[in-house]
Amino acid sequence: MPIYRYLAIGMLTLPAMQVDANELKAPHEIVAQASDSAWRVVDIENVLKIQLVTGALYVELNPLLAPLHVDNIKQLARERFYDGLSVYRFVEGFVAQGGDESAKKQPLKAKKQLTAEFIYKSKAPLNITTLDMVDGYAQRTGFLNGFAVAQNESGTHTWQTHCTGAFAMAREDAPNSGGTEFYVTLTPQRYLDQNTTVFGQVLHGMEHIQKLDRKPESNKEFNPITSVKVLADISKEDKLRFKVFNTDTNDFKALIAARKNRPEAWFVAKPDYADVCAIKVPVHSFIAD
């Protein structure tokens, strides 16, 4: 079931901050020195914990841009649909895809297929923190609520981009044929943008995806999924929590500027450019009281 077959209202941008190159801090300095207000705590109701044999993957879901998919996958998790299934497809440097390879398992109340949410359409433009960079796949790119996004020129069409760790829904040829088979991008795959519904981003545990087997072996279960759960449902037993850099703050705009034109002495070439997948939104994990 490869994915290419099964697969505040107002002015629309928050421009990157103009900073004198001589005043730029290194990216790690900006993150280390940021105040508490530069971070937001991730709502555990919108975090999936995918337990693999190699370790746990935590994914933040994106209800603004893809509410149907977020609601449905949480329902699937609560029905324990994924327990005992597998990450049955691993393409090096591309995606890892999980779910029901047989396509025979039926949800209890969740939907097997959903109306595609490739693009979120709004009457008024959505504010994003823009990169102000030329992009080959969209009129503008930037960040919204911590997610890498792209837009049309007017800002009324917004979608999440396929950067590393994007969480998306595979589908067949028909646009509305996806609903249960998720995938995680192992590297940026921007040509898939607007062709599948991207509705989350890995917060923690990408190394556990990378440790999965590439090919089935005899007498060995191939990349089984132990469980998929909503973190809010297991909050008493799993105390891991996450905070993400606020992408609508001056601290994040300074981080964009530093990523475009690295100020550290080591850098000789300073192109004053970065694409949306080159700017990773910082994530910190902590243990809840």
C-alpha atoms as a PDB file:
ATOM      1  CA  MET A   1       0.000   0.000   0.000  1.00  0.00           C
ATOM      2  CA  PRO A   2       2.548   2.665  -1.044  1.00  0.00           C
ATOM      3  CA  ILE A   3       1.472   6.183  -0.175  1.00  0.00           C
ATOM      4  CA  TYR A   4       1.388   7.342  -3.766  1.00  0.00           C
ATOM      5  CA  ARG A   5      -1.304   4.723  -4.395  1.00  0.00           C
ATOM      6  CA  TYR A   6      -2.985   4.369  -0.980  1.00  0.00           C
ATOM      7  CA  LEU A   7      -1.909   7.440  -0.082  1.00  0.00           C
ATOM      8  CA  ALA A   8      -5.873  35.218  14.613  1.00  0.00           C
ATOM      9  CA  ILE A   9      -7.297  36.511  11.507  1.00  0.00           C
ATOM     10  CA  GLY A  10      -5.879  39.662   9.931  1.00  0.00           C
ATOM     11  CA  MET A  11      -2.805  40.403   7.881  1.00  0.00           C
ATOM     12  CA  LEU A  12      -1.527  37.080   6.741  1.00  0.00           C
ATOM     13  CA  THR A  13       2.142  37.034   7.753  1.00  0.00           C
ATOM     14  CA  LEU A  14       4.278  37.704  10.754  1.00  0.00           C
ATOM     15  CA  PRO A  15       7.520  38.594   8.970  1.00  0.00           C
ATOM     16  CA  ALA A  16      10.898  37.436  10.135  1.00  0.00           C
ATOM     17  CA  MET A  17      12.554  39.971  12.382  1.00  0.00           C
ATOM     18  CA  GLN A  18      15.119  42.264  10.763  1.00  0.00           C
ATOM     19  CA  VAL A  19      18.351  41.836  12.722  1.00  0.00           C
ATOM     20  CA  ASP A  20      21.789  43.319  12.133  1.00  0.00           C
ATOM     21  CA  ALA A  21      24.099  40.448  11.168  1.00  0.00           C
ATOM     22  CA  ASN A  22      26.631  41.619  13.734  1.00  0.00           C
ATOM     23  CA  GLU A  23      24.038  41.304  16.489  1.00  0.00           C
ATOM     24  CA  LEU A  24      22.905  37.787  15.650  1.00  0.00           C
ATOM     25  CA  LYS A  25      23.301  35.066  18.256  1.00  0.00           C
ATOM     26  CA  ALA A  26      23.941  31.468  17.328  1.00  0.00           C
ATOM     27  CA  PRO A  27      20.799  29.309  17.149  1.00  0.00           C
ATOM     28  CA  HIS A  28      21.721  27.316  20.248  1.00  0.00           C
ATOM     29  CA  GLU A  29      22.267  30.549  22.190  1.00  0.00           C
ATOM     30  CA  ILE A  30      18.831  31.858  21.228  1.00  0.00           C
ATOM     31  CA  VAL A  31      17.169  28.667  22.417  1.00  0.00           C
ATOM     32  CA  ALA A  32      19.193  28.462  25.640  1.00  0.00           C
ATOM     33  CA  GLN A  33      18.538  32.096  26.560  1.00  0.00           C
ATOM     34  CA  ALA A  34      14.839  32.178  25.651  1.00  0.00           C
ATOM     35  CA  SER A  35      12.425  33.062  28.446  1.00  0.00           C
ATOM     36  CA  ASP A  36       9.652  30.764  29.626  1.00  0.00           C
ATOM     37  CA  SER A  37       7.184  32.788  27.561  1.00  0.00           C
ATOM     38  CA  ALA A  38       9.003  31.662  24.406  1.00  0.00           C
ATOM     39  CA  TRP A  39       7.730  28.122  24.968  1.00  0.00           C
ATOM     40  CA  ARG A  40       4.308  26.509  24.952  1.00  0.00           C
ATOM     41  CA  VAL A  41       3.397  23.299  26.728  1.00  0.00           C
ATOM     42  CA  VAL A  42       1.906  20.759  24.321  1.00  0.00           C
ATOM     43  CA  ASP A  43      -1.669  19.690  25.082  1.00  0.00           C
ATOM     44  CA  ILE A  44      -1.468  15.971  25.927  1.00  0.00           C
ATOM     45  CA  GLU A  45      -4.954  15.488  24.440  1.00  0.00           C
ATOM     46  CA  ASN A  46      -3.263  16.084  21.076  1.00  0.00           C
ATOM     47  CA  VAL A  47      -0.280  13.782  21.562  1.00  0.00           C
ATOM     48  CA  LEU A  48      -0.172  10.202  20.300  1.00  0.00           C
ATOM     49  CA  LYS A  49       2.191   7.703  21.880  1.00  0.00           C
ATOM     50  CA  ILE A  50       3.063   4.999  19.368  1.00  0.00           C
ATOM     51  CA  GLN A  51       4.835   2.171  21.172  1.00  0.00           C
ATOM     52  CA  LEU A  52       7.172   0.279  18.872  1.00  0.00           C
ATOM     53  CA  VAL A  53       9.484  -2.592  19.751  1.00  0.00           C
ATOM     54  CA  THR A  54      12.392  -0.165  19.335  1.00  0.00           C
ATOM     55  CA  GLY A  55      10.915   2.506  21.649  1.00  0.00           C
ATOM     56  CA  ALA A  56       8.126   5.056  21.929  1.00  0.00           C
ATOM     57  CA  LEU A  57       7.279   7.651  19.280  1.00  0.00           C
ATOM     58  CA  TYR A  58       5.399  10.763  20.446  1.00  0.00           C
ATOM     59  CA  VAL A  59       3.489  12.744  17.824  1.00  0.00           C
ATOM     60  CA  GLU A  60       1.784  16.126  18.237  1.00  0.00           C
ATOM     61  CA  LEU A  61      -1.428  16.240  16.217  1.00  0.00           C
ATOM     62  CA  ASN A  62      -2.555  19.320  14.298  1.00  0.00           C
ATOM     63  CA  PRO A  63      -6.303  19.842  14.885  1.00  0.00           C
ATOM     64  CA  LEU A  64      -6.461  23.285  13.268  1.00  0.00           C
ATOM     65  CA  LEU A  65      -5.447  22.166   9.791  1.00  0.00           C
ATOM     66  CA  ALA A  66      -6.885  18.621   9.817  1.00  0.00           C
ATOM     67  CA  PRO A  67      -9.574  18.249  12.489  1.00  0.00           C
ATOM     68  CA  LEU A  68     -11.271  15.218  10.913  1.00  0.00           C
ATOM     69  CA  HIS A  69      -8.041  13.228  10.803  1.00  0.00           C
ATOM     70  CA  VAL A  70      -7.051  14.212  14.326  1.00  0.00           C
ATOM     71  CA  ASP A  71     -10.423  13.193  15.747  1.00  0.00           C
ATOM     72  CA  ASN A  72     -10.463   9.935  13.806  1.00  0.00           C
ATOM     73  CA  ILE A  73      -6.985   8.748  14.714  1.00  0.00           C
ATOM     74  CA  LYS A  74      -7.662   9.485  18.382  1.00  0.00           C
ATOM     75  CA  GLN A  75     -10.812   7.380  18.075  1.00  0.00           C
ATOM     76  CA  LEU A  76      -8.812   4.617  16.400  1.00  0.00           C
ATOM     77  CA  ALA A  77      -6.267   4.752  19.226  1.00  0.00           C
ATOM     78  CA  ARG A  78      -9.005   4.569  21.844  1.00  0.00           C
ATOM     79  CA  GLU A  79     -10.500   1.558  20.058  1.00  0.00           C
ATOM     80  CA  ARG A  80      -7.016  -0.024  20.126  1.00  0.00           C
ATOM     81  CA  PHE A  81      -7.218  -0.411  16.363  1.00  0.00           C
ATOM     82  CA  TYR A  82      -3.447  -0.305  15.888  1.00  0.00           C
ATOM     83  CA  ASP A  83      -2.473  -2.643  18.718  1.00  0.00           C
ATOM     84  CA  GLY A  84      -0.781  -5.674  17.204  1.00  0.00           C
ATOM     85  CA  LEU A  85      -0.503  -4.205  13.707  1.00  0.00           C
ATOM     86  CA  SER A  86       2.837  -3.128  12.257  1.00  0.00           C
ATOM     87  CA  VAL A  87       4.991  -0.580  10.508  1.00  0.00           C
ATOM     88  CA  TYR A  88       4.876  -2.745   7.409  1.00  0.00           C
ATOM     89  CA  ARG A  89       6.622  -0.494   4.910  1.00  0.00           C
ATOM     90  CA  PHE A  90      10.024   1.135   5.344  1.00  0.00           C
ATOM     91  CA  VAL A  91      11.650   2.930   2.432  1.00  0.00           C
ATOM     92  CA  GLU A  92      15.095   4.235   3.312  1.00  0.00           C
ATOM     93  CA  GLY A  93      15.256   8.014   3.186  1.00  0.00           C
ATOM     94  CA  PHE A  94      11.554   8.271   2.370  1.00  0.00           C
ATOM     95  CA  VAL A  95       8.814   7.107   4.766  1.00  0.00           C
ATOM     96  CA  ALA A  96       7.903   4.508   7.364  1.00  0.00           C
ATOM     97  CA  GLN A  97       4.255   3.476   7.001  1.00  0.00           C
ATOM     98  CA  GLY A  98       2.118   1.709   9.585  1.00  0.00           C
ATOM     99  CA  GLY A  99      -1.346   0.286  10.080  1.00  0.00           C
ATOM    100  CA  ASP A 100      -3.121  -2.723   8.610  1.00  0.00           C
ATOM    101  CA  GLU A 101      -1.303  -3.995   5.545  1.00  0.00           C
ATOM    102  CA  SER A 102      -4.090  -6.490   4.843  1.00  0.00           C
ATOM    103  CA  ALA A 103      -6.695  -3.672   4.753  1.00  0.00           C
ATOM    104  CA  LYS A 104      -9.154  -6.145   6.309  1.00  0.00           C
ATOM    105  CA  LYS A 105      -9.378  -4.852   9.881  1.00  0.00           C
ATOM    106  CA  GLN A 106     -12.457  -2.735  10.516  1.00  0.00           C
ATOM    107  CA  PRO A 107     -12.724   0.040  13.122  1.00  0.00           C
ATOM    108  CA  LEU A 108     -15.496  -0.138  15.708  1.00  0.00           C
ATOM    109  CA  LYS A 109     -16.812   3.427  15.439  1.00  0.00           C
ATOM    110  CA  ALA A 110     -13.949   5.317  13.801  1.00  0.00           C
ATOM    111  CA  LYS A 111     -13.945   5.722  10.032  1.00  0.00           C
ATOM    112  CA  LYS A 112     -11.988   3.593   7.606  1.00  0.00           C
ATOM    113  CA  GLN A 113     -11.930   6.428   5.051  1.00  0.00           C
ATOM    114  CA  LEU A 114     -12.110  10.193   5.486  1.00  0.00           C
ATOM    115  CA  THR A 115     -12.666  13.256   3.382  1.00  0.00           C
ATOM    116  CA  ALA A 116      -9.175  14.482   2.515  1.00  0.00           C
ATOM    117  CA  GLU A 117      -7.857  17.542   4.359  1.00  0.00           C
ATOM    118  CA  PHE A 118      -4.959  18.342   2.057  1.00  0.00           C
ATOM    119  CA  ILE A 119      -5.555  22.105   2.399  1.00  0.00           C
ATOM    120  CA  TYR A 120      -7.208  24.163   5.123  1.00  0.00           C
ATOM    121  CA  LYS A 121      -9.278  26.879   3.464  1.00  0.00           C
ATOM    122  CA  SER A 122     -10.217  30.003   5.407  1.00  0.00           C
ATOM    123  CA  LYS A 123     -12.285  33.024   4.427  1.00  0.00           C
ATOM    124  CA  ALA A 124      -9.697  35.379   5.878  1.00  0.00           C
ATOM    125  CA  PRO A 125      -5.918  34.843   5.710  1.00  0.00           C
ATOM    126  CA  LEU A 126      -4.242  32.903   8.514  1.00  0.00           C
ATOM    127  CA  ASN A 127      -1.318  34.575  10.229  1.00  0.00           C
ATOM    128  CA  ILE A 128       1.911  32.632   9.951  1.00  0.00           C
ATOM    129  CA  THR A 129       5.487  33.480  10.849  1.00  0.00           C
ATOM    130  CA  THR A 130       6.850  33.624   7.328  1.00  0.00           C
ATOM    131  CA  LEU A 131      10.348  32.891   6.100  1.00  0.00           C
ATOM    132  CA  ASP A 132      10.169  35.506   3.332  1.00  0.00           C
ATOM    133  CA  MET A 133      12.047  33.073   1.112  1.00  0.00           C
ATOM    134  CA  VAL A 134      11.414  31.838  -2.422  1.00  0.00           C
ATOM    135  CA  ASP A 135      10.017  28.296  -2.259  1.00  0.00           C
ATOM    136  CA  GLY A 136       9.602  25.916  -5.159  1.00  0.00           C
ATOM    137  CA  TYR A 137       6.418  24.323  -3.816  1.00  0.00           C
ATOM    138  CA  ALA A 138       4.376  27.243  -2.473  1.00  0.00           C
ATOM    139  CA  GLN A 139       3.898  31.001  -2.686  1.00  0.00           C
ATOM    140  CA  ARG A 140       4.920  31.359   0.956  1.00  0.00           C
ATOM    141  CA  THR A 141       6.192  29.143   3.780  1.00  0.00           C
ATOM    142  CA  GLY A 142       6.571  29.567   7.503  1.00  0.00           C
ATOM    143  CA  PHE A 143       5.260  28.316  10.819  1.00  0.00           C
ATOM    144  CA  LEU A 144       1.882  28.115  12.501  1.00  0.00           C
ATOM    145  CA  ASN A 145       1.390  26.810  16.049  1.00  0.00           C
ATOM    146  CA  GLY A 146       4.784  25.140  15.897  1.00  0.00           C
ATOM    147  CA  PHE A 147       4.160  23.303  12.619  1.00  0.00           C
ATOM    148  CA  ALA A 148       5.981  23.966   9.347  1.00  0.00           C
ATOM    149  CA  VAL A 149       3.369  25.148   6.846  1.00  0.00           C
ATOM    150  CA  ALA A 150       2.891  26.585   3.386  1.00  0.00           C
ATOM    151  CA  GLN A 151       0.251  28.883   1.907  1.00  0.00           C
ATOM    152  CA  ASN A 152      -1.089  30.381  -1.262  1.00  0.00           C
ATOM    153  CA  GLU A 153      -0.307  34.035  -1.921  1.00  0.00           C
ATOM    154  CA  SER A 154      -3.439  35.331  -0.186  1.00  0.00           C
ATOM    155  CA  GLY A 155      -2.962  33.171   2.897  1.00  0.00           C
ATOM    156  CA  THR A 156      -6.419  31.620   2.644  1.00  0.00           C
ATOM    157  CA  HIS A 157      -5.119  28.142   1.762  1.00  0.00           C
ATOM    158  CA  THR A 158      -2.780  26.624   4.361  1.00  0.00           C
ATOM    159  CA  TRP A 159      -1.261  23.154   4.620  1.00  0.00           C
ATOM    160  CA  GLN A 160       1.378  21.404   6.682  1.00  0.00           C
ATOM    161  CA  THR A 161       4.562  20.566   4.808  1.00  0.00           C
ATOM    162  CA  HIS A 162       6.332  17.221   4.500  1.00  0.00           C
ATOM    163  CA  CYS A 163       9.431  18.020   6.538  1.00  0.00           C
ATOM    164  CA  THR A 164      11.323  15.324   8.459  1.00  0.00           C
ATOM    165  CA  GLY A 165       9.047  13.733  11.038  1.00  0.00           C
ATOM    166  CA  ALA A 166       5.791  14.839   9.412  1.00  0.00           C
ATOM    167  CA  PHE A 167       2.880  12.573  10.360  1.00  0.00           C
ATOM    168  CA  ALA A 168       0.468  11.987   7.511  1.00  0.00           C
ATOM    169  CA  MET A 169      -2.245   9.711   6.137  1.00  0.00           C
ATOM    170  CA  ALA A 170      -1.563   7.318   3.273  1.00  0.00           C
ATOM    171  CA  ARG A 171      -4.233   6.773   0.633  1.00  0.00           C
ATOM    172  CA  GLU A 172      -5.122   4.957  -2.578  1.00  0.00           C
ATOM    173  CA  ASP A 173      -5.516   6.809  -5.880  1.00  0.00           C
ATOM    174  CA  ALA A 174      -8.824   8.338  -4.810  1.00  0.00           C
ATOM    175  CA  PRO A 175      -8.206  11.488  -2.698  1.00  0.00           C
ATOM    176  CA  ASN A 176     -10.764  10.465  -0.035  1.00  0.00           C
ATOM    177  CA  SER A 177      -9.542   6.884   0.366  1.00  0.00           C
ATOM    178  CA  GLY A 178      -7.249   7.378   3.392  1.00  0.00           C
ATOM    179  CA  GLY A 179      -8.270   6.944   6.992  1.00  0.00           C
ATOM    180  CA  THR A 180      -6.157   4.468   8.956  1.00  0.00           C
ATOM    181  CA  GLU A 181      -2.746   4.008   7.305  1.00  0.00           C
ATOM    182  CA  PHE A 182      -0.334   6.605   8.691  1.00  0.00           C
ATOM    183  CA  TYR A 183       3.233   7.353   7.679  1.00  0.00           C
ATOM    184  CA  VAL A 184       6.180   9.312   9.046  1.00  0.00           C
ATOM    185  CA  THR A 185       8.591  11.068   6.691  1.00  0.00           C
ATOM    186  CA  LEU A 186      12.223  10.130   7.264  1.00  0.00           C
ATOM    187  CA  THR A 187      13.521  13.106   5.259  1.00  0.00           C
ATOM    188  CA  PRO A 188      11.779  16.114   3.641  1.00  0.00           C
ATOM    189  CA  GLN A 189       9.398  15.026   0.875  1.00  0.00           C
ATOM    190  CA  ARG A 190       7.886  18.307  -0.246  1.00  0.00           C
ATOM    191  CA  TYR A 191       6.582  16.951  -3.552  1.00  0.00           C
ATOM    192  CA  LEU A 192       3.949  15.105  -1.509  1.00  0.00           C
ATOM    193  CA  ASP A 193       2.559  18.413  -0.175  1.00  0.00           C
ATOM    194  CA  GLN A 194      -1.153  18.868  -0.961  1.00  0.00           C
ATOM    195  CA  ASN A 195      -1.322  15.254  -2.146  1.00  0.00           C
ATOM    196  CA  THR A 196      -1.925  13.680   1.259  1.00  0.00           C
ATOM    197  CA  THR A 197      -3.243  14.952   4.581  1.00  0.00           C
ATOM    198  CA  VAL A 198      -0.412  15.926   6.929  1.00  0.00           C
ATOM    199  CA  PHE A 199      -1.844  16.187  10.422  1.00  0.00           C
ATOM    200  CA  GLY A 200       0.990  15.996  12.926  1.00  0.00           C
ATOM    201  CA  GLN A 201       4.687  16.159  13.686  1.00  0.00           C
ATOM    202  CA  VAL A 202       6.990  13.859  15.642  1.00  0.00           C
ATOM    203  CA  LEU A 203       7.975  15.448  18.944  1.00  0.00           C
ATOM    204  CA  HIS A 204      10.215  12.727  20.281  1.00  0.00           C
ATOM    205  CA  GLY A 205      11.534   9.335  19.265  1.00  0.00           C
ATOM    206  CA  MET A 206      12.542   9.574  15.599  1.00  0.00           C
ATOM    207  CA  GLU A 207      15.510   7.361  16.443  1.00  0.00           C
ATOM    208  CA  HIS A 208      13.079   4.535  17.221  1.00  0.00           C
ATOM    209  CA  ILE A 209      11.620   4.776  13.720  1.00  0.00           C
ATOM    210  CA  GLN A 210      15.123   4.700  12.239  1.00  0.00           C
ATOM    211  CA  LYS A 211      15.943   1.520  14.192  1.00  0.00           C
ATOM    212  CA  LEU A 212      13.093  -0.444  12.627  1.00  0.00           C
ATOM    213  CA  ASP A 213      13.818  -3.368  10.311  1.00  0.00           C
ATOM    214  CA  ARG A 214      13.942  -2.552   6.632  1.00  0.00           C
ATOM    215  CA  LYS A 215      12.880  -5.949   5.304  1.00  0.00           C
ATOM    216  CA  PRO A 216      10.919  -8.857   6.788  1.00  0.00           C
ATOM    217  CA  GLU A 217      12.896 -11.807   8.092  1.00  0.00           C
ATOM    218  CA  SER A 218      11.706 -15.382   8.438  1.00  0.00           C
ATOM    219  CA  ASN A 219      10.439 -16.383  11.904  1.00  0.00           C
ATOM    220  CA  LYS A 220      10.393 -12.757  13.061  1.00  0.00           C
ATOM    221  CA  GLU A 221       7.398 -10.443  13.324  1.00  0.00           C
ATOM    222  CA  PHE A 222       8.024  -7.400  11.153  1.00  0.00           C
ATOM    223  CA  ASN A 223       8.048  -4.095  13.056  1.00  0.00           C
ATOM    224  CA  PRO A 224       5.046  -4.747  15.306  1.00  0.00           C
ATOM    225  CA  ILE A 225       3.119  -1.863  16.852  1.00  0.00           C
ATOM    226  CA  THR A 226       2.585  -2.662  20.526  1.00  0.00           C
ATOM    227  CA  SER A 227       0.031   0.109  21.024  1.00  0.00           C
ATOM    228  CA  VAL A 228      -1.116   3.563  19.963  1.00  0.00           C
ATOM    229  CA  LYS A 229      -2.577   5.696  22.751  1.00  0.00           C
ATOM    230  CA  VAL A 230      -3.590   9.292  23.390  1.00  0.00           C
ATOM    231  CA  LEU A 231      -1.167  10.610  25.997  1.00  0.00           C
ATOM    232  CA  ALA A 232      -4.001  12.222  27.977  1.00  0.00           C
ATOM    233  CA  ASP A 233      -5.506   8.768  28.498  1.00  0.00           C
ATOM    234  CA  ILE A 234      -2.333   7.407  30.103  1.00  0.00           C
ATOM    235  CA  SER A 235      -1.175  10.567  31.874  1.00  0.00           C
ATOM    236  CA  LYS A 236      -0.945   8.879  35.261  1.00  0.00           C
ATOM    237  CA  GLU A 237       1.434   6.192  34.048  1.00  0.00           C
ATOM    238  CA  ASP A 238       3.351   8.174  31.420  1.00  0.00           C
ATOM    239  CA  LYS A 239       4.562  11.473  32.863  1.00  0.00           C
ATOM    240  CA  LEU A 240       6.586  12.558  29.822  1.00  0.00           C
ATOM    241  CA  ARG A 241       5.529  16.008  28.659  1.00  0.00           C
ATOM    242  CA  PHE A 242       6.725  18.389  25.963  1.00  0.00           C
ATOM    243  CA  LYS A 243       7.162  22.083  25.390  1.00  0.00           C
ATOM    244  CA  VAL A 244       7.695  23.545  21.945  1.00  0.00           C
ATOM    245  CA  PHE A 245       9.187  26.876  20.918  1.00  0.00           C
ATOM    246  CA  ASN A 246       6.442  29.425  20.259  1.00  0.00           C
ATOM    247  CA  THR A 247       6.727  30.167  16.561  1.00  0.00           C
ATOM    248  CA  ASP A 248       4.973  33.552  16.767  1.00  0.00           C
ATOM    249  CA  THR A 249       7.526  35.157  19.116  1.00  0.00           C
ATOM    250  CA  ASN A 250      10.509  37.423  18.521  1.00  0.00           C
ATOM    251  CA  ASP A 251      12.740  34.652  19.886  1.00  0.00           C
ATOM    252  CA  PHE A 252      11.651  32.371  17.064  1.00  0.00           C
ATOM    253  CA  LYS A 253      12.048  35.143  14.487  1.00  0.00           C
ATOM    254  CA  ALA A 254      15.600  35.603  15.758  1.00  0.00           C
ATOM    255  CA  LEU A 255      16.118  31.862  15.373  1.00  0.00           C
ATOM    256  CA  ILE A 256      14.950  32.064  11.751  1.00  0.00           C
ATOM    257  CA  ALA A 257      17.404  34.909  11.095  1.00  0.00           C
ATOM    258  CA  ALA A 258      20.250  32.939  12.682  1.00  0.00           C
ATOM    259  CA  ARG A 259      19.432  29.872  10.631  1.00  0.00           C
ATOM    260  CA  LYS A 260      19.388  31.895   7.421  1.00  0.00           C
ATOM    261  CA  ASN A 261      22.774  33.494   8.004  1.00  0.00           C
ATOM    262  CA  ARG A 262      24.747  31.602  10.641  1.00  0.00           C
ATOM    263  CA  PRO A 263      26.739  34.073  12.785  1.00  0.00           C
ATOM    264  CA  GLU A 264      29.222  31.571  14.251  1.00  0.00           C
ATOM    265  CA  ALA A 265      32.879  32.116  13.319  1.00  0.00           C
ATOM    266  CA  TRP A 266      33.153  28.591  11.863  1.00  0.00           C
ATOM    267  CA  PHE A 267      30.883  29.441   8.911  1.00  0.00           C
ATOM    268  CA  VAL A 268      32.581  30.800   5.817  1.00  0.00           C
ATOM    269  CA  ALA A 269      29.634  30.586   3.421  1.00  0.00           C
ATOM    270  CA  LYS A 270      26.585  32.445   4.757  1.00  0.00           C
ATOM    271  CA  PRO A 271      23.840  32.296   2.136  1.00  0.00           C
ATOM    272  CA  ASP A 272      21.177  34.274   4.047  1.00  0.00           C
ATOM    273  CA  TYR A 273      18.690  31.565   3.114  1.00  0.00           C
ATOM    274  CA  ALA A 274      16.851  28.660   4.715  1.00  0.00           C
ATOM    275  CA  ASP A 275      13.903  26.622   3.515  1.00  0.00           C
ATOM    276  CA  VAL A 276      11.042  25.680   5.803  1.00  0.00           C
ATOM    277  CA  CYS A 277      12.354  22.173   6.454  1.00  0.00           C
ATOM    278  CA  ALA A 278      15.809  23.440   7.447  1.00  0.00           C
ATOM    279  CA  ILE A 279      14.465  25.285  10.499  1.00  0.00           C
ATOM    280  CA  LYS A 280      13.638  22.742  13.180  1.00  0.00           C
ATOM    281  CA  VAL A 281      11.260  23.967  15.872  1.00  0.00           C
ATOM    282  CA  PRO A 282      12.976  23.272  19.225  1.00  0.00           C
ATOM    283  CA  VAL A 283      11.276  20.746  21.517  1.00  0.00           C
ATOM    284  CA  HIS A 284      12.099  20.066  25.164  1.00  0.00           C
ATOM    285  CA  SER A 285      10.791  17.120  27.141  1.00  0.00           C
ATOM    286  CA  PHE A 286      10.228  17.020  30.897  1.00  0.00           C
ATOM    287  CA  ILE A 287       8.627  14.849  33.541  1.00  0.00           C
ATOM    288  CA  ALA A 288       5.345  16.090  34.965  1.00  0.00           C
ATOM    289  CA  ASP A 289       4.901  16.374  38.732  1.00  0.00           C
END
